[in-house]
Amino acid sequence: MPAPRLVAPREWELDRHAAGGLVGLGTIVVLGWAAFAGPLAGPPVPVVATPPRELAAAGAAAQVTGGEGAGLYQASCAACHGQAGEGTPNGPALTSAGAAATDFMLRTGRMPLAEPGQSVRRGRPAFADAQIQALVAFVASLGNGPPIPEVNVTDGTDIAAGRAAYVATCAACHGAGATGDAVGGGAVAPGLLGTAATQVGEAIRIGPGAMPAFDRRQIDDAQLSEIAGYLAFLGDRAAPGGATVGGVGPVAEGYVGWLVYLVALLGVTRWIERRRSR
């Protein structure tokens, strides 16, 4: 019986293997773009200045009596909120807003609005730090309202306790990774990564927008710092072993990981097959 002959592969078979490898490589590139720069990439972390945790009593009194806060209020706020914070059809009363709500709204750029009726969204602060302090002191003097909470995030903050409190009270709306994807893709419950610690505490206490307010019986002062510490951890050190895929959760990110590695394995297999066929 004659020995079998080695037949050189046809040219079209080599082209088919090459095309398969190129398709696999292209798929990897597309998935990499989607994960790190495209629709799966996380939102950019906003850069925000950390507000002061408290206003000195003497400085606050000087700002109120000196008229700086009152002047800024009359120029930028009174048209909607009333001359003495009593409210108008264009804006709610501020007599019970307090320092926490005023500081939060001004430092997150949610106020002042360019015109009545606009949607309240986060933006760049319209005032400098000293002006915000003056406005906060003036509005706080109009009535009784929650003060700016004391939020301390240090190296000793209990991150595990902060995660437990966040999952119990915040994750349902703001998402497991605090990217705000759980409700309306971030339109209703915004992302929290990069939010200053004091603003986290202020939002929990005042409940801006559709968010409910949590008093000390629901979230105590220690838990405010723990939640803020956990959010800081998510923003800075949540993925020490590599990059995240938008923070959309372990199931979706695990699926993307498997898909990337399977496509890569397919590409390597095609490459090995092509070399052996030569």
Protein backbone atom coordinates (compact mmCIF):
# COMPACT_ATOMS: atom_id res chain seq x y z
CA MET A 1 0.00 0.00 0.00
CA PRO A 2 1.61 3.33 -1.05
CA ALA A 3 2.53 5.80 1.66
CA PRO A 4 0.17 8.78 2.01
CA ARG A 5 1.36 11.97 0.40
CA LEU A 6 1.52 15.29 2.18
CA VAL A 7 -0.67 17.73 0.33
CA ALA A 8 0.00 21.43 0.68
CA PRO A 9 -3.02 23.37 1.95
CA ARG A 10 -4.95 25.27 -0.62
CA GLU A 11 -4.53 28.99 -0.83
CA TRP A 12 -8.15 29.64 0.04
CA GLU A 13 -7.81 27.63 3.25
CA LEU A 14 -4.89 29.82 4.35
CA ASP A 15 -6.92 32.91 3.55
CA ARG A 16 -9.80 31.54 5.60
CA HIS A 17 -7.55 30.99 8.62
CA ALA A 18 -6.07 34.46 8.24
CA ALA A 19 -9.53 35.99 8.04
CA GLY A 20 -10.59 34.12 11.18
CA GLY A 21 -7.59 35.46 13.06
CA LEU A 22 -8.27 39.02 11.92
CA VAL A 23 -11.92 38.72 12.98
CA GLY A 24 -10.87 37.49 16.42
CA LEU A 25 -8.34 40.32 16.79
CA GLY A 26 -10.90 42.88 15.68
CA THR A 27 -13.43 41.56 18.19
CA ILE A 28 -10.89 41.90 21.01
CA VAL A 29 -10.13 45.49 19.99
CA VAL A 30 -13.85 46.39 19.88
CA LEU A 31 -14.50 44.82 23.29
CA GLY A 32 -11.49 46.60 24.75
CA TRP A 33 -12.76 49.92 23.43
CA ALA A 34 -16.26 49.26 24.79
CA ALA A 35 -14.89 48.34 28.21
CA PHE A 36 -12.47 51.20 28.71
CA ALA A 37 -13.64 54.07 26.49
CA GLY A 38 -17.05 53.13 25.09
CA PRO A 39 -20.51 52.47 26.54
CA LEU A 40 -19.26 50.09 29.27
CA ALA A 41 -16.69 52.53 30.58
CA GLY A 42 -17.45 54.20 33.87
CA PRO A 43 -18.45 57.84 34.00
CA PRO A 44 -15.65 60.34 34.50
CA VAL A 45 -15.03 61.04 38.12
CA PRO A 46 -15.88 64.69 38.79
CA VAL A 47 -13.31 66.79 40.59
CA VAL A 48 -14.94 68.49 43.53
CA ALA A 49 -13.52 70.61 46.29
CA THR A 50 -14.04 69.34 49.80
CA PRO A 51 -16.17 71.89 51.67
CA PRO A 52 -15.34 72.94 55.23
CA ARG A 53 -17.01 70.71 57.81
CA GLU A 54 -18.22 73.55 59.94
CA LEU A 55 -18.42 77.33 59.96
CA ALA A 56 -16.71 79.17 62.76
CA ALA A 57 -19.29 80.97 64.88
CA ALA A 58 -17.49 84.30 64.80
CA GLY A 59 -16.92 84.15 61.05
CA ALA A 60 -20.51 83.20 60.37
CA ALA A 61 -21.81 86.08 62.47
CA ALA A 62 -19.51 88.51 60.70
CA GLN A 63 -20.68 87.34 57.28
CA VAL A 64 -24.35 87.76 58.22
CA THR A 65 -24.04 91.13 59.91
CA GLY A 66 -21.53 92.43 57.39
CA GLY A 67 -24.08 92.01 54.62
CA GLU A 68 -21.98 89.94 52.19
CA GLY A 69 -24.27 86.94 52.43
CA ALA A 70 -27.37 89.13 52.35
CA GLY A 71 -26.12 90.98 49.27
CA LEU A 72 -25.34 87.78 47.41
CA TYR A 73 -28.71 86.35 48.38
CA GLN A 74 -30.63 89.38 47.13
CA ALA A 75 -28.70 89.38 43.85
CA SER A 76 -28.86 85.66 43.06
CA CYS A 77 -31.58 83.96 45.13
CA ALA A 78 -34.32 86.36 46.25
CA ALA A 79 -36.09 86.52 42.87
CA CYS A 80 -37.16 82.88 43.26
CA HIS A 81 -36.98 82.24 47.02
CA GLY A 82 -38.31 85.57 48.31
CA GLN A 83 -36.66 88.55 49.98
CA ALA A 84 -36.61 86.83 53.37
CA GLY A 85 -36.58 83.23 52.16
CA GLU A 86 -40.37 82.96 52.40
CA GLY A 87 -40.64 81.34 48.98
CA THR A 88 -42.45 82.34 45.79
CA PRO A 89 -44.28 80.47 42.99
CA ASN A 90 -40.87 80.09 41.34
CA GLY A 91 -39.02 78.61 44.30
CA PRO A 92 -39.57 76.97 47.70
CA ALA A 93 -39.11 78.67 51.06
CA LEU A 94 -35.66 78.52 52.63
CA THR A 95 -36.62 79.28 56.21
CA SER A 96 -36.15 75.62 57.14
CA ALA A 97 -33.42 74.78 54.62
CA GLY A 98 -30.58 75.23 57.06
CA ALA A 99 -26.86 75.21 56.40
CA ALA A 100 -26.69 71.62 55.13
CA ALA A 101 -29.14 72.02 52.25
CA THR A 102 -27.75 75.42 51.25
CA ASP A 103 -24.15 74.23 51.30
CA PHE A 104 -25.03 71.08 49.32
CA MET A 105 -26.97 72.90 46.62
CA LEU A 106 -24.35 75.60 46.13
CA ARG A 107 -21.26 73.39 46.22
CA THR A 108 -22.69 70.85 43.78
CA GLY A 109 -23.71 73.59 41.35
CA ARG A 110 -27.39 72.69 41.56
CA MET A 111 -28.20 76.27 42.51
CA PRO A 112 -28.71 78.94 41.39
CA LEU A 113 -30.70 78.06 38.28
CA ALA A 114 -30.38 80.20 35.18
CA GLU A 115 -34.17 80.51 35.07
CA PRO A 116 -37.17 79.08 36.98
CA GLY A 117 -38.44 75.69 35.91
CA GLN A 118 -35.11 74.27 34.83
CA SER A 119 -34.23 70.77 35.96
CA VAL A 120 -31.91 70.70 38.95
CA ARG A 121 -28.68 68.95 37.96
CA ARG A 122 -25.17 68.81 39.26
CA GLY A 123 -22.72 71.27 37.74
CA ARG A 124 -19.86 73.58 38.53
CA PRO A 125 -20.34 75.86 41.55
CA ALA A 126 -21.32 79.38 40.56
CA PHE A 127 -19.66 80.99 43.62
CA ALA A 128 -16.24 80.99 45.19
CA ASP A 129 -15.69 79.25 48.53
CA ALA A 130 -15.90 82.45 50.59
CA GLN A 131 -19.14 83.46 48.85
CA ILE A 132 -20.67 80.05 49.51
CA GLN A 133 -19.80 80.34 53.19
CA ALA A 134 -21.44 83.77 53.30
CA LEU A 135 -24.62 82.54 51.61
CA VAL A 136 -24.78 79.46 53.84
CA ALA A 137 -24.46 81.60 56.95
CA PHE A 138 -27.16 84.02 55.77
CA VAL A 139 -29.71 81.33 54.79
CA ALA A 140 -29.05 79.43 58.03
CA SER A 141 -29.92 82.63 59.93
CA LEU A 142 -33.38 82.77 58.31
CA GLY A 143 -34.75 79.89 60.38
CA ASN A 144 -34.07 76.46 61.77
CA GLY A 145 -32.67 73.72 59.57
CA PRO A 146 -30.17 70.86 59.66
CA PRO A 147 -26.56 71.96 60.15
CA ILE A 148 -23.66 70.77 58.02
CA PRO A 149 -22.89 67.25 59.33
CA GLU A 150 -19.49 66.28 60.66
CA VAL A 151 -18.10 63.63 58.28
CA ASN A 152 -14.60 62.33 58.97
CA VAL A 153 -12.97 59.86 56.58
CA THR A 154 -9.58 58.59 57.77
CA ASP A 155 -7.39 55.55 57.24
CA GLY A 156 -9.17 53.97 60.22
CA THR A 157 -12.67 54.31 58.75
CA ASP A 158 -14.50 50.96 58.75
CA ILE A 159 -14.93 50.30 55.02
CA ALA A 160 -16.77 46.99 55.58
CA ALA A 161 -19.35 48.69 57.80
CA GLY A 162 -19.70 51.47 55.23
CA ARG A 163 -20.34 48.91 52.50
CA ALA A 164 -23.03 47.22 54.59
CA ALA A 165 -24.76 50.54 55.28
CA TYR A 166 -24.48 51.59 51.63
CA VAL A 167 -25.94 48.32 50.35
CA ALA A 168 -28.82 48.54 52.85
CA THR A 169 -29.82 52.15 52.14
CA CYS A 170 -28.23 53.44 48.92
CA ALA A 171 -27.35 50.71 46.41
CA ALA A 172 -30.93 50.10 45.28
CA CYS A 173 -30.97 53.50 43.58
CA HIS A 174 -27.33 54.53 43.13
CA GLY A 175 -26.10 51.12 41.96
CA ALA A 176 -23.77 48.52 43.44
CA GLY A 177 -20.76 50.44 42.14
CA ALA A 178 -22.17 53.90 43.02
CA THR A 179 -22.31 54.82 39.33
CA GLY A 180 -25.99 55.75 39.43
CA ASP A 181 -27.02 53.18 36.81
CA ALA A 182 -29.71 51.47 38.90
CA VAL A 183 -32.44 54.10 38.33
CA GLY A 184 -32.83 55.82 34.98
CA GLY A 185 -29.22 55.28 33.93
CA GLY A 186 -28.10 57.91 36.43
CA ALA A 187 -30.76 60.49 35.51
CA VAL A 188 -32.75 60.06 38.74
CA ALA A 189 -30.09 58.74 41.11
CA PRO A 190 -26.72 60.19 40.04
CA GLY A 191 -23.34 58.57 40.37
CA LEU A 192 -21.56 59.17 43.66
CA LEU A 193 -17.92 58.48 42.76
CA GLY A 194 -15.80 61.53 43.45
CA THR A 195 -18.37 63.17 45.72
CA ALA A 196 -16.82 65.01 48.66
CA ALA A 197 -17.36 63.34 52.03
CA THR A 198 -19.27 66.26 53.54
CA GLN A 199 -21.61 66.37 50.54
CA VAL A 200 -22.36 62.68 51.02
CA GLY A 201 -23.41 63.40 54.60
CA GLU A 202 -25.43 66.46 53.58
CA ALA A 203 -27.34 64.51 50.92
CA ILE A 204 -28.18 61.75 53.39
CA ARG A 205 -29.52 64.23 55.93
CA ILE A 206 -31.51 66.52 53.59
CA GLY A 207 -32.65 64.08 50.86
CA PRO A 208 -32.28 66.22 47.71
CA GLY A 209 -34.72 65.69 44.85
CA ALA A 210 -36.44 62.29 44.90
CA MET A 211 -34.07 60.95 47.54
CA PRO A 212 -35.52 60.42 51.02
CA ALA A 213 -33.87 62.08 54.00
CA PHE A 214 -32.34 59.82 56.66
CA ASP A 215 -32.26 61.02 60.25
CA ARG A 216 -29.93 59.84 63.02
CA ARG A 217 -32.26 56.99 63.95
CA GLN A 218 -31.85 55.48 60.48
CA ILE A 219 -28.22 56.41 59.76
CA ASP A 220 -26.23 57.70 62.70
CA ASP A 221 -23.29 60.09 62.49
CA ALA A 222 -20.70 57.31 62.60
CA GLN A 223 -22.35 55.61 59.63
CA LEU A 224 -22.18 58.84 57.63
CA SER A 225 -18.38 58.68 57.81
CA GLU A 226 -18.39 54.95 57.05
CA ILE A 227 -20.54 55.37 53.93
CA ALA A 228 -18.42 58.29 52.75
CA GLY A 229 -15.30 56.21 53.38
CA TYR A 230 -16.69 53.31 51.36
CA LEU A 231 -17.52 55.63 48.44
CA ALA A 232 -13.99 57.04 48.58
CA PHE A 233 -12.69 53.46 48.50
CA LEU A 234 -14.81 52.68 45.43
CA GLY A 235 -13.44 55.73 43.65
CA ASP A 236 -9.78 55.22 44.53
CA ARG A 237 -9.02 51.60 45.34
CA ALA A 238 -11.98 49.47 44.24
CA ALA A 239 -9.99 47.57 41.59
CA PRO A 240 -6.41 47.12 42.83
CA GLY A 241 -5.85 44.24 40.41
CA GLY A 242 -6.82 46.10 37.24
CA ALA A 243 -9.42 48.33 35.60
CA THR A 244 -13.18 48.04 36.12
CA VAL A 245 -15.72 47.67 33.32
CA GLY A 246 -17.88 50.61 34.23
CA GLY A 247 -18.79 49.29 37.68
CA VAL A 248 -21.94 47.62 36.36
CA GLY A 249 -21.66 44.62 38.66
CA PRO A 250 -19.95 41.21 38.91
CA VAL A 251 -22.33 39.35 36.56
CA ALA A 252 -21.99 41.74 33.63
CA GLU A 253 -18.28 42.30 34.19
CA GLY A 254 -17.67 38.55 34.53
CA TYR A 255 -19.51 37.96 31.26
CA VAL A 256 -17.36 40.54 29.49
CA GLY A 257 -14.24 38.94 30.97
CA TRP A 258 -15.22 35.48 29.75
CA LEU A 259 -16.08 36.83 26.31
CA VAL A 260 -12.73 38.62 25.97
CA TYR A 261 -10.73 35.56 27.02
CA LEU A 262 -12.75 33.16 24.84
CA VAL A 263 -12.24 35.36 21.79
CA ALA A 264 -8.55 35.62 22.61
CA LEU A 265 -8.32 31.85 22.98
CA LEU A 266 -10.07 31.42 19.63
CA GLY A 267 -7.57 33.77 18.01
CA VAL A 268 -4.60 31.89 19.47
CA THR A 269 -6.09 28.55 18.34
CA ARG A 270 -6.53 29.85 14.80
CA TRP A 271 -2.96 31.13 14.79
CA ILE A 272 -1.58 27.76 15.94
CA GLU A 273 -3.68 25.90 13.37
CA ARG A 274 -2.43 28.14 10.60
CA ARG A 275 1.21 27.62 11.54
CA ARG A 276 0.81 23.86 11.68
CA SER A 277 -0.86 23.79 8.27
CA ARG A 278 2.11 25.44 6.57
